């Protein structure tokens, strides 16, 4: 459809005829998020009534949400389920214009800083010490204890910019860098605390990224599980996949919106989570 035709279509959103209006809205929704810039241009016109502005805002939000929802579905159905792409898809819920390439470049810079310091023949413990030194020492990443439940902790672009995050977002950055370095590091779904594990051959230990990369053992997890009065479960000790990580980030995001009483956003994220939970 030509630009002039799109603008003419949008101009009909203030039509008094319900059938015309319904047809126009359905047509605009069918065009997807590519029509958003035209809706935004119309919204900026000073002559608009409050009712028309609200109608445009609702349409823009619906189109942005549907684009976010479809990105997650496409990611889930992709063969690779690239973790960075999954985190980018989640971040577009709050930042619909966020560029995946920009996120990739930011992560590449973090990787480069670690790559300068790490050596192939290093002992695994020394590799972790180097990662910790660069990420938490040189680059100043750390725990967002002041705003632990903030939705921004689930937005990877915000975490990279602010250098503050929750356990899983900090783990994701650490994990993505480790993957680029070909280190055998994976996520672990521990209750109330997402952690990482280094697992290769007969060697396995754990990394608490939220506590500046503190290294600990299976015995420590045993003690932690016991304190929570939970039965031991293999998922508390072994690597999880990228889909598990994305599901957990969405759960955290739901909780963040519940904390501030934003029921509409809770419902929207819950809908996305339900889709990610389907087998």
C-alpha atoms as a PDB file:
ATOM      1  CA  UNK A   1       0.000   0.000   0.000  1.00  0.00           C
ATOM      2  CA  UNK A   2       1.285   3.487  -0.895  1.00  0.00           C
ATOM      3  CA  UNK A   3       2.058   6.069   1.794  1.00  0.00           C
ATOM      4  CA  UNK A   4      -0.813   8.262   0.626  1.00  0.00           C
ATOM      5  CA  UNK A   5      -3.207   5.312   0.899  1.00  0.00           C
ATOM      6  CA  UNK A   6      -2.007   4.473   4.413  1.00  0.00           C
ATOM      7  CA  UNK A   7      -2.475   8.085   5.533  1.00  0.00           C
ATOM      8  CA  UNK A   8      -5.934   8.181   3.993  1.00  0.00           C
ATOM      9  CA  UNK A   9      -6.828   4.972   5.812  1.00  0.00           C
ATOM     10  CA  UNK A  10      -5.624   6.370   9.140  1.00  0.00           C
ATOM     11  CA  UNK A  11      -7.668   9.536   8.588  1.00  0.00           C
ATOM     12  CA  UNK A  12     -10.805   7.382   8.637  1.00  0.00           C
ATOM     13  CA  UNK A  13     -10.196   6.394  12.274  1.00  0.00           C
ATOM     14  CA  UNK A  14     -12.385   9.308  13.367  1.00  0.00           C
ATOM     15  CA  UNK A  15     -15.285   8.224  11.179  1.00  0.00           C
ATOM     16  CA  UNK A  16     -18.649   8.140  12.985  1.00  0.00           C
ATOM     17  CA  UNK A  17     -19.843   5.020  11.173  1.00  0.00           C
ATOM     18  CA  UNK A  18     -19.111   1.969  13.377  1.00  0.00           C
ATOM     19  CA  UNK A  19     -18.827  -0.438  10.433  1.00  0.00           C
ATOM     20  CA  UNK A  20     -16.392   1.836   8.617  1.00  0.00           C
ATOM     21  CA  UNK A  21     -14.366   2.322  11.787  1.00  0.00           C
ATOM     22  CA  UNK A  22     -14.278  -1.411  12.518  1.00  0.00           C
ATOM     23  CA  UNK A  23     -13.145  -2.174   8.968  1.00  0.00           C
ATOM     24  CA  UNK A  24     -10.433   0.497   9.121  1.00  0.00           C
ATOM     25  CA  UNK A  25      -9.060  -0.723  12.462  1.00  0.00           C
ATOM     26  CA  UNK A  26      -8.963  -4.333  11.262  1.00  0.00           C
ATOM     27  CA  UNK A  27      -7.181  -3.269   8.084  1.00  0.00           C
ATOM     28  CA  UNK A  28      -4.587  -1.288  10.048  1.00  0.00           C
ATOM     29  CA  UNK A  29      -4.000  -4.171  12.484  1.00  0.00           C
ATOM     30  CA  UNK A  30      -3.495  -6.557   9.554  1.00  0.00           C
ATOM     31  CA  UNK A  31      -0.633  -4.383   8.326  1.00  0.00           C
ATOM     32  CA  UNK A  32       1.442  -5.083  11.433  1.00  0.00           C
ATOM     33  CA  UNK A  33       4.037  -2.840  13.065  1.00  0.00           C
ATOM     34  CA  UNK A  34       5.162  -1.329   9.738  1.00  0.00           C
ATOM     35  CA  UNK A  35       2.238   1.095   9.978  1.00  0.00           C
ATOM     36  CA  UNK A  36       3.261   2.388  13.450  1.00  0.00           C
ATOM     37  CA  UNK A  37       5.351   5.359  12.170  1.00  0.00           C
ATOM     38  CA  UNK A  38       2.299   6.653  10.272  1.00  0.00           C
ATOM     39  CA  UNK A  39       0.117   6.295  13.365  1.00  0.00           C
ATOM     40  CA  UNK A  40       2.744   8.131  15.430  1.00  0.00           C
ATOM     41  CA  UNK A  41       2.871  10.959  12.878  1.00  0.00           C
ATOM     42  CA  UNK A  42      -0.898  11.331  13.098  1.00  0.00           C
ATOM     43  CA  UNK A  43      -0.791  11.237  16.907  1.00  0.00           C
ATOM     44  CA  UNK A  44       1.616  14.209  16.935  1.00  0.00           C
ATOM     45  CA  UNK A  45      -0.881  16.434  15.099  1.00  0.00           C
ATOM     46  CA  UNK A  46      -2.008  19.187  17.473  1.00  0.00           C
ATOM     47  CA  UNK A  47      -5.572  19.293  16.136  1.00  0.00           C
ATOM     48  CA  UNK A  48      -6.462  15.794  17.372  1.00  0.00           C
ATOM     49  CA  UNK A  49      -9.172  15.277  19.968  1.00  0.00           C
ATOM     50  CA  UNK A  50      -8.312  13.373  23.197  1.00  0.00           C
ATOM     51  CA  UNK A  51     -10.535  10.501  22.024  1.00  0.00           C
ATOM     52  CA  UNK A  52      -8.651  10.202  18.742  1.00  0.00           C
ATOM     53  CA  UNK A  53      -5.286  10.396  20.533  1.00  0.00           C
ATOM     54  CA  UNK A  54      -6.328   7.567  22.864  1.00  0.00           C
ATOM     55  CA  UNK A  55      -7.523   5.491  19.899  1.00  0.00           C
ATOM     56  CA  UNK A  56      -4.156   5.948  18.174  1.00  0.00           C
ATOM     57  CA  UNK A  57      -2.242   5.139  21.377  1.00  0.00           C
ATOM     58  CA  UNK A  58      -4.216   1.921  21.839  1.00  0.00           C
ATOM     59  CA  UNK A  59      -3.634   0.894  18.234  1.00  0.00           C
ATOM     60  CA  UNK A  60       0.094   1.584  18.467  1.00  0.00           C
ATOM     61  CA  UNK A  61       0.368  -0.385  21.697  1.00  0.00           C
ATOM     62  CA  UNK A  62      -1.575  -3.344  20.284  1.00  0.00           C
ATOM     63  CA  UNK A  63       0.606  -3.430  17.167  1.00  0.00           C
ATOM     64  CA  UNK A  64       3.802  -3.211  19.237  1.00  0.00           C
ATOM     65  CA  UNK A  65       2.619  -5.964  21.575  1.00  0.00           C
ATOM     66  CA  UNK A  66       1.660  -8.243  18.705  1.00  0.00           C
ATOM     67  CA  UNK A  67       5.089  -7.685  17.132  1.00  0.00           C
ATOM     68  CA  UNK A  68       6.744  -8.592  20.459  1.00  0.00           C
ATOM     69  CA  UNK A  69       4.523 -11.669  20.819  1.00  0.00           C
ATOM     70  CA  UNK A  70       5.308 -12.872  17.300  1.00  0.00           C
ATOM     71  CA  UNK A  71       9.054 -12.366  17.848  1.00  0.00           C
ATOM     72  CA  UNK A  72       8.915 -14.656  20.867  1.00  0.00           C
ATOM     73  CA  UNK A  73       6.979 -17.312  18.952  1.00  0.00           C
ATOM     74  CA  UNK A  74       9.411 -17.143  16.042  1.00  0.00           C
ATOM     75  CA  UNK A  75      12.311 -17.417  18.487  1.00  0.00           C
ATOM     76  CA  UNK A  76      10.764 -20.433  20.210  1.00  0.00           C
ATOM     77  CA  UNK A  77      10.197 -22.156  16.863  1.00  0.00           C
ATOM     78  CA  UNK A  78      13.708 -21.396  15.609  1.00  0.00           C
ATOM     79  CA  UNK A  79      16.234 -24.214  15.482  1.00  0.00           C
ATOM     80  CA  UNK A  80      19.002 -22.416  17.372  1.00  0.00           C
ATOM     81  CA  UNK A  81      16.964 -20.538  20.017  1.00  0.00           C
ATOM     82  CA  UNK A  82      19.800 -18.032  20.219  1.00  0.00           C
ATOM     83  CA  UNK A  83      19.798 -16.659  23.765  1.00  0.00           C
ATOM     84  CA  UNK A  84      20.681 -13.106  22.802  1.00  0.00           C
ATOM     85  CA  UNK A  85      17.840 -13.003  20.274  1.00  0.00           C
ATOM     86  CA  UNK A  86      15.429 -14.295  22.908  1.00  0.00           C
ATOM     87  CA  UNK A  87      16.487 -11.604  25.367  1.00  0.00           C
ATOM     88  CA  UNK A  88      16.210  -8.986  22.618  1.00  0.00           C
ATOM     89  CA  UNK A  89      12.668 -10.164  21.849  1.00  0.00           C
ATOM     90  CA  UNK A  90      11.726  -9.692  25.518  1.00  0.00           C
ATOM     91  CA  UNK A  91      13.337  -6.242  25.645  1.00  0.00           C
ATOM     92  CA  UNK A  92      11.231  -5.083  22.685  1.00  0.00           C
ATOM     93  CA  UNK A  93       8.173  -5.288  24.939  1.00  0.00           C
ATOM     94  CA  UNK A  94       9.368  -2.090  26.639  1.00  0.00           C
ATOM     95  CA  UNK A  95      11.693  -0.870  23.876  1.00  0.00           C
ATOM     96  CA  UNK A  96       9.966  -1.736  20.574  1.00  0.00           C
ATOM     97  CA  UNK A  97      12.555   0.086  18.467  1.00  0.00           C
ATOM     98  CA  UNK A  98      15.543  -1.642  20.070  1.00  0.00           C
ATOM     99  CA  UNK A  99      17.986  -2.954  17.489  1.00  0.00           C
ATOM    100  CA  UNK A 100      19.230  -6.519  17.806  1.00  0.00           C
ATOM    101  CA  UNK A 101      22.423  -5.454  16.076  1.00  0.00           C
ATOM    102  CA  UNK A 102      23.025  -2.727  18.689  1.00  0.00           C
ATOM    103  CA  UNK A 103      22.581  -5.287  21.461  1.00  0.00           C
ATOM    104  CA  UNK A 104      24.967  -7.646  19.680  1.00  0.00           C
ATOM    105  CA  UNK A 105      27.587  -4.918  19.354  1.00  0.00           C
ATOM    106  CA  UNK A 106      27.328  -4.020  23.040  1.00  0.00           C
ATOM    107  CA  UNK A 107      27.825  -7.644  24.021  1.00  0.00           C
ATOM    108  CA  UNK A 108      30.716  -7.958  21.575  1.00  0.00           C
ATOM    109  CA  UNK A 109      32.482  -5.124  23.391  1.00  0.00           C
ATOM    110  CA  UNK A 110      32.122  -6.918  26.743  1.00  0.00           C
ATOM    111  CA  UNK A 111      33.414 -10.127  25.150  1.00  0.00           C
ATOM    112  CA  UNK A 112      36.382  -8.259  23.671  1.00  0.00           C
ATOM    113  CA  UNK A 113      37.378  -6.881  27.076  1.00  0.00           C
ATOM    114  CA  UNK A 114      37.424 -10.432  28.511  1.00  0.00           C
ATOM    115  CA  UNK A 115      39.113 -11.929  25.418  1.00  0.00           C
ATOM    116  CA  UNK A 116      42.071  -9.563  25.901  1.00  0.00           C
ATOM    117  CA  UNK A 117      42.735 -11.067  29.337  1.00  0.00           C
ATOM    118  CA  UNK A 118      41.911 -14.763  28.974  1.00  0.00           C
ATOM    119  CA  UNK A 119      44.229 -17.551  27.735  1.00  0.00           C
ATOM    120  CA  UNK A 120      43.424 -20.961  26.224  1.00  0.00           C
ATOM    121  CA  UNK A 121      45.723 -22.869  28.580  1.00  0.00           C
ATOM    122  CA  UNK A 122      44.256 -21.346  31.737  1.00  0.00           C
ATOM    123  CA  UNK A 123      42.884 -23.617  34.454  1.00  0.00           C
ATOM    124  CA  UNK A 124      39.061 -23.375  34.639  1.00  0.00           C
ATOM    125  CA  UNK A 125      39.248 -21.595  37.996  1.00  0.00           C
ATOM    126  CA  UNK A 126      41.611 -19.023  36.520  1.00  0.00           C
ATOM    127  CA  UNK A 127      39.269 -18.546  33.557  1.00  0.00           C
ATOM    128  CA  UNK A 128      36.448 -17.742  35.980  1.00  0.00           C
ATOM    129  CA  UNK A 129      38.686 -15.419  37.980  1.00  0.00           C
ATOM    130  CA  UNK A 130      39.491 -13.564  34.760  1.00  0.00           C
ATOM    131  CA  UNK A 131      35.829 -13.306  33.775  1.00  0.00           C
ATOM    132  CA  UNK A 132      35.000 -12.016  37.271  1.00  0.00           C
ATOM    133  CA  UNK A 133      37.876  -9.533  37.240  1.00  0.00           C
ATOM    134  CA  UNK A 134      36.808  -7.989  33.924  1.00  0.00           C
ATOM    135  CA  UNK A 135      33.018  -8.103  34.269  1.00  0.00           C
ATOM    136  CA  UNK A 136      32.749  -7.067  37.926  1.00  0.00           C
ATOM    137  CA  UNK A 137      36.065  -5.273  38.413  1.00  0.00           C
ATOM    138  CA  UNK A 138      36.950  -3.480  35.197  1.00  0.00           C
ATOM    139  CA  UNK A 139      33.449  -3.079  33.709  1.00  0.00           C
ATOM    140  CA  UNK A 140      31.708  -2.558  37.089  1.00  0.00           C
ATOM    141  CA  UNK A 141      28.696  -4.836  36.562  1.00  0.00           C
ATOM    142  CA  UNK A 142      26.874  -5.639  39.779  1.00  0.00           C
ATOM    143  CA  UNK A 143      23.698  -6.618  41.597  1.00  0.00           C
ATOM    144  CA  UNK A 144      20.723  -4.250  41.453  1.00  0.00           C
ATOM    145  CA  UNK A 145      19.822  -4.737  45.109  1.00  0.00           C
ATOM    146  CA  UNK A 146      18.201  -1.295  45.387  1.00  0.00           C
ATOM    147  CA  UNK A 147      15.579  -2.057  42.696  1.00  0.00           C
ATOM    148  CA  UNK A 148      15.639  -5.847  42.720  1.00  0.00           C
ATOM    149  CA  UNK A 149      12.085  -6.305  41.404  1.00  0.00           C
ATOM    150  CA  UNK A 150      12.216  -3.605  38.728  1.00  0.00           C
ATOM    151  CA  UNK A 151      11.106  -4.619  35.219  1.00  0.00           C
ATOM    152  CA  UNK A 152      14.276  -2.984  33.891  1.00  0.00           C
ATOM    153  CA  UNK A 153      16.255  -5.936  35.285  1.00  0.00           C
ATOM    154  CA  UNK A 154      14.695  -8.103  32.575  1.00  0.00           C
ATOM    155  CA  UNK A 155      15.632  -5.671  29.782  1.00  0.00           C
ATOM    156  CA  UNK A 156      19.115  -6.661  28.618  1.00  0.00           C
ATOM    157  CA  UNK A 157      19.779  -3.288  26.970  1.00  0.00           C
ATOM    158  CA  UNK A 158      19.067  -1.483  30.256  1.00  0.00           C
ATOM    159  CA  UNK A 159      21.231  -3.904  32.248  1.00  0.00           C
ATOM    160  CA  UNK A 160      24.143  -3.432  29.845  1.00  0.00           C
ATOM    161  CA  UNK A 161      23.796   0.373  29.980  1.00  0.00           C
ATOM    162  CA  UNK A 162      23.261   0.672  33.743  1.00  0.00           C
ATOM    163  CA  UNK A 163      25.664  -2.186  34.695  1.00  0.00           C
ATOM    164  CA  UNK A 164      23.035  -3.309  37.228  1.00  0.00           C
ATOM    165  CA  UNK A 165      20.803  -6.379  37.031  1.00  0.00           C
ATOM    166  CA  UNK A 166      19.103  -9.248  38.808  1.00  0.00           C
ATOM    167  CA  UNK A 167      20.584 -12.771  39.060  1.00  0.00           C
ATOM    168  CA  UNK A 168      19.318 -14.027  35.707  1.00  0.00           C
ATOM    169  CA  UNK A 169      20.106 -10.947  33.611  1.00  0.00           C
ATOM    170  CA  UNK A 170      23.664 -10.799  34.973  1.00  0.00           C
ATOM    171  CA  UNK A 171      23.975 -14.548  34.368  1.00  0.00           C
ATOM    172  CA  UNK A 172      22.803 -14.081  30.764  1.00  0.00           C
ATOM    173  CA  UNK A 173      25.536 -11.519  30.054  1.00  0.00           C
ATOM    174  CA  UNK A 174      28.153 -13.714  31.742  1.00  0.00           C
ATOM    175  CA  UNK A 175      26.867 -16.788  29.896  1.00  0.00           C
ATOM    176  CA  UNK A 176      26.809 -15.127  26.469  1.00  0.00           C
ATOM    177  CA  UNK A 177      30.405 -13.977  26.906  1.00  0.00           C
ATOM    178  CA  UNK A 178      31.449 -17.452  28.117  1.00  0.00           C
ATOM    179  CA  UNK A 179      29.754 -19.060  25.097  1.00  0.00           C
ATOM    180  CA  UNK A 180      31.683 -16.799  22.723  1.00  0.00           C
ATOM    181  CA  UNK A 181      34.863 -17.902  24.519  1.00  0.00           C
ATOM    182  CA  UNK A 182      33.821 -21.568  24.027  1.00  0.00           C
ATOM    183  CA  UNK A 183      33.778 -22.185  27.771  1.00  0.00           C
ATOM    184  CA  UNK A 184      31.571 -25.083  29.012  1.00  0.00           C
ATOM    185  CA  UNK A 185      29.273 -22.858  31.059  1.00  0.00           C
ATOM    186  CA  UNK A 186      25.473 -23.145  31.276  1.00  0.00           C
ATOM    187  CA  UNK A 187      22.565 -21.793  33.278  1.00  0.00           C
ATOM    188  CA  UNK A 188      21.076 -23.643  36.246  1.00  0.00           C
ATOM    189  CA  UNK A 189      17.478 -23.194  37.468  1.00  0.00           C
ATOM    190  CA  UNK A 190      18.044 -23.013  41.199  1.00  0.00           C
ATOM    191  CA  UNK A 191      14.969 -21.945  43.226  1.00  0.00           C
ATOM    192  CA  UNK A 192      14.944 -18.193  43.968  1.00  0.00           C
ATOM    193  CA  UNK A 193      18.429 -17.757  42.508  1.00  0.00           C
ATOM    194  CA  UNK A 194      19.548 -18.331  38.936  1.00  0.00           C
ATOM    195  CA  UNK A 195      23.181 -19.468  38.754  1.00  0.00           C
ATOM    196  CA  UNK A 196      25.690 -20.891  36.276  1.00  0.00           C
ATOM    197  CA  UNK A 197      27.649 -24.122  36.172  1.00  0.00           C
ATOM    198  CA  UNK A 198      31.015 -24.967  34.668  1.00  0.00           C
ATOM    199  CA  UNK A 199      30.764 -28.582  33.508  1.00  0.00           C
ATOM    200  CA  UNK A 200      33.380 -30.429  31.490  1.00  0.00           C
ATOM    201  CA  UNK A 201      34.402 -34.062  31.762  1.00  0.00           C
ATOM    202  CA  UNK A 202      34.555 -34.969  35.443  1.00  0.00           C
ATOM    203  CA  UNK A 203      34.747 -31.364  36.591  1.00  0.00           C
ATOM    204  CA  UNK A 204      31.702 -29.398  37.686  1.00  0.00           C
ATOM    205  CA  UNK A 205      31.338 -26.368  39.905  1.00  0.00           C
ATOM    206  CA  UNK A 206      28.896 -23.487  40.215  1.00  0.00           C
ATOM    207  CA  UNK A 207      29.054 -19.708  39.826  1.00  0.00           C
ATOM    208  CA  UNK A 208      26.918 -17.171  41.680  1.00  0.00           C
ATOM    209  CA  UNK A 209      27.044 -14.260  39.244  1.00  0.00           C
ATOM    210  CA  UNK A 210      24.779 -12.141  41.475  1.00  0.00           C
ATOM    211  CA  UNK A 211      27.540 -12.342  44.108  1.00  0.00           C
ATOM    212  CA  UNK A 212      30.357 -11.198  41.797  1.00  0.00           C
ATOM    213  CA  UNK A 213      31.017 -14.671  40.384  1.00  0.00           C
ATOM    214  CA  UNK A 214      31.486 -16.516  43.668  1.00  0.00           C
ATOM    215  CA  UNK A 215      32.448 -20.163  42.994  1.00  0.00           C
ATOM    216  CA  UNK A 216      30.795 -22.903  45.052  1.00  0.00           C
ATOM    217  CA  UNK A 217      30.147 -26.655  45.009  1.00  0.00           C
ATOM    218  CA  UNK A 218      27.350 -29.221  44.929  1.00  0.00           C
ATOM    219  CA  UNK A 219      27.563 -29.462  48.722  1.00  0.00           C
ATOM    220  CA  UNK A 220      26.655 -25.778  48.951  1.00  0.00           C
ATOM    221  CA  UNK A 221      23.604 -26.369  46.750  1.00  0.00           C
ATOM    222  CA  UNK A 222      22.629 -29.316  48.979  1.00  0.00           C
ATOM    223  CA  UNK A 223      22.734 -26.980  51.976  1.00  0.00           C
ATOM    224  CA  UNK A 224      20.790 -24.259  50.141  1.00  0.00           C
ATOM    225  CA  UNK A 225      18.048 -26.701  49.094  1.00  0.00           C
ATOM    226  CA  UNK A 226      17.855 -28.033  52.643  1.00  0.00           C
ATOM    227  CA  UNK A 227      17.407 -24.502  54.035  1.00  0.00           C
ATOM    228  CA  UNK A 228      14.472 -24.000  51.657  1.00  0.00           C
ATOM    229  CA  UNK A 229      12.948 -27.297  52.889  1.00  0.00           C
ATOM    230  CA  UNK A 230      12.864 -28.640  49.338  1.00  0.00           C
ATOM    231  CA  UNK A 231      13.575 -32.121  48.067  1.00  0.00           C
ATOM    232  CA  UNK A 232      16.623 -32.561  45.882  1.00  0.00           C
ATOM    233  CA  UNK A 233      15.899 -32.372  42.168  1.00  0.00           C
ATOM    234  CA  UNK A 234      18.258 -32.880  39.248  1.00  0.00           C
ATOM    235  CA  UNK A 235      17.259 -29.542  37.692  1.00  0.00           C
ATOM    236  CA  UNK A 236      18.825 -27.756  40.697  1.00  0.00           C
ATOM    237  CA  UNK A 237      22.246 -29.133  39.724  1.00  0.00           C
ATOM    238  CA  UNK A 238      22.337 -29.597  35.957  1.00  0.00           C
ATOM    239  CA  UNK A 239      22.338 -27.226  32.949  1.00  0.00           C
ATOM    240  CA  UNK A 240      19.063 -25.838  31.642  1.00  0.00           C
ATOM    241  CA  UNK A 241      18.364 -24.797  28.056  1.00  0.00           C
ATOM    242  CA  UNK A 242      17.767 -21.349  26.578  1.00  0.00           C
ATOM    243  CA  UNK A 243      13.997 -21.790  26.551  1.00  0.00           C
ATOM    244  CA  UNK A 244      14.090 -22.382  30.320  1.00  0.00           C
ATOM    245  CA  UNK A 245      15.999 -19.112  30.711  1.00  0.00           C
ATOM    246  CA  UNK A 246      13.520 -17.116  28.615  1.00  0.00           C
ATOM    247  CA  UNK A 247      10.618 -18.601  30.579  1.00  0.00           C
ATOM    248  CA  UNK A 248      12.242 -17.575  33.851  1.00  0.00           C
ATOM    249  CA  UNK A 249      12.895 -14.031  32.609  1.00  0.00           C
ATOM    250  CA  UNK A 250       9.216 -13.745  31.645  1.00  0.00           C
ATOM    251  CA  UNK A 251       8.181 -14.974  35.103  1.00  0.00           C
ATOM    252  CA  UNK A 252      10.409 -12.318  36.671  1.00  0.00           C
ATOM    253  CA  UNK A 253       8.842  -9.704  34.413  1.00  0.00           C
ATOM    254  CA  UNK A 254       5.354 -10.785  35.463  1.00  0.00           C
ATOM    255  CA  UNK A 255       6.351 -10.455  39.120  1.00  0.00           C
ATOM    256  CA  UNK A 256       7.848  -7.008  38.455  1.00  0.00           C
ATOM    257  CA  UNK A 257       4.564  -5.714  37.026  1.00  0.00           C
ATOM    258  CA  UNK A 258       2.579  -7.371  39.821  1.00  0.00           C
ATOM    259  CA  UNK A 259       4.703  -5.468  42.364  1.00  0.00           C
ATOM    260  CA  UNK A 260       3.670  -2.120  40.864  1.00  0.00           C
ATOM    261  CA  UNK A 261       0.058  -3.173  40.268  1.00  0.00           C
ATOM    262  CA  UNK A 262       0.147  -2.966  36.473  1.00  0.00           C
ATOM    263  CA  UNK A 263      -2.481  -5.624  35.775  1.00  0.00           C
ATOM    264  CA  UNK A 264      -2.629  -4.990  32.026  1.00  0.00           C
ATOM    265  CA  UNK A 265       1.087  -5.681  31.597  1.00  0.00           C
ATOM    266  CA  UNK A 266       0.850  -8.716  33.882  1.00  0.00           C
ATOM    267  CA  UNK A 267      -1.813 -10.188  31.593  1.00  0.00           C
ATOM    268  CA  UNK A 268       0.204  -9.427  28.464  1.00  0.00           C
ATOM    269  CA  UNK A 269       3.372 -11.068  29.779  1.00  0.00           C
ATOM    270  CA  UNK A 270       1.414 -14.021  31.172  1.00  0.00           C
ATOM    271  CA  UNK A 271      -0.039 -14.571  27.679  1.00  0.00           C
ATOM    272  CA  UNK A 272       3.480 -14.630  26.224  1.00  0.00           C
ATOM    273  CA  UNK A 273       4.667 -16.974  28.986  1.00  0.00           C
ATOM    274  CA  UNK A 274       1.776 -19.362  28.311  1.00  0.00           C
ATOM    275  CA  UNK A 275       2.911 -19.547  24.692  1.00  0.00           C
ATOM    276  CA  UNK A 276       6.485 -20.288  25.784  1.00  0.00           C
ATOM    277  CA  UNK A 277       5.236 -23.068  28.087  1.00  0.00           C
ATOM    278  CA  UNK A 278       3.542 -24.999  25.298  1.00  0.00           C
ATOM    279  CA  UNK A 279       5.369 -28.148  24.271  1.00  0.00           C
END
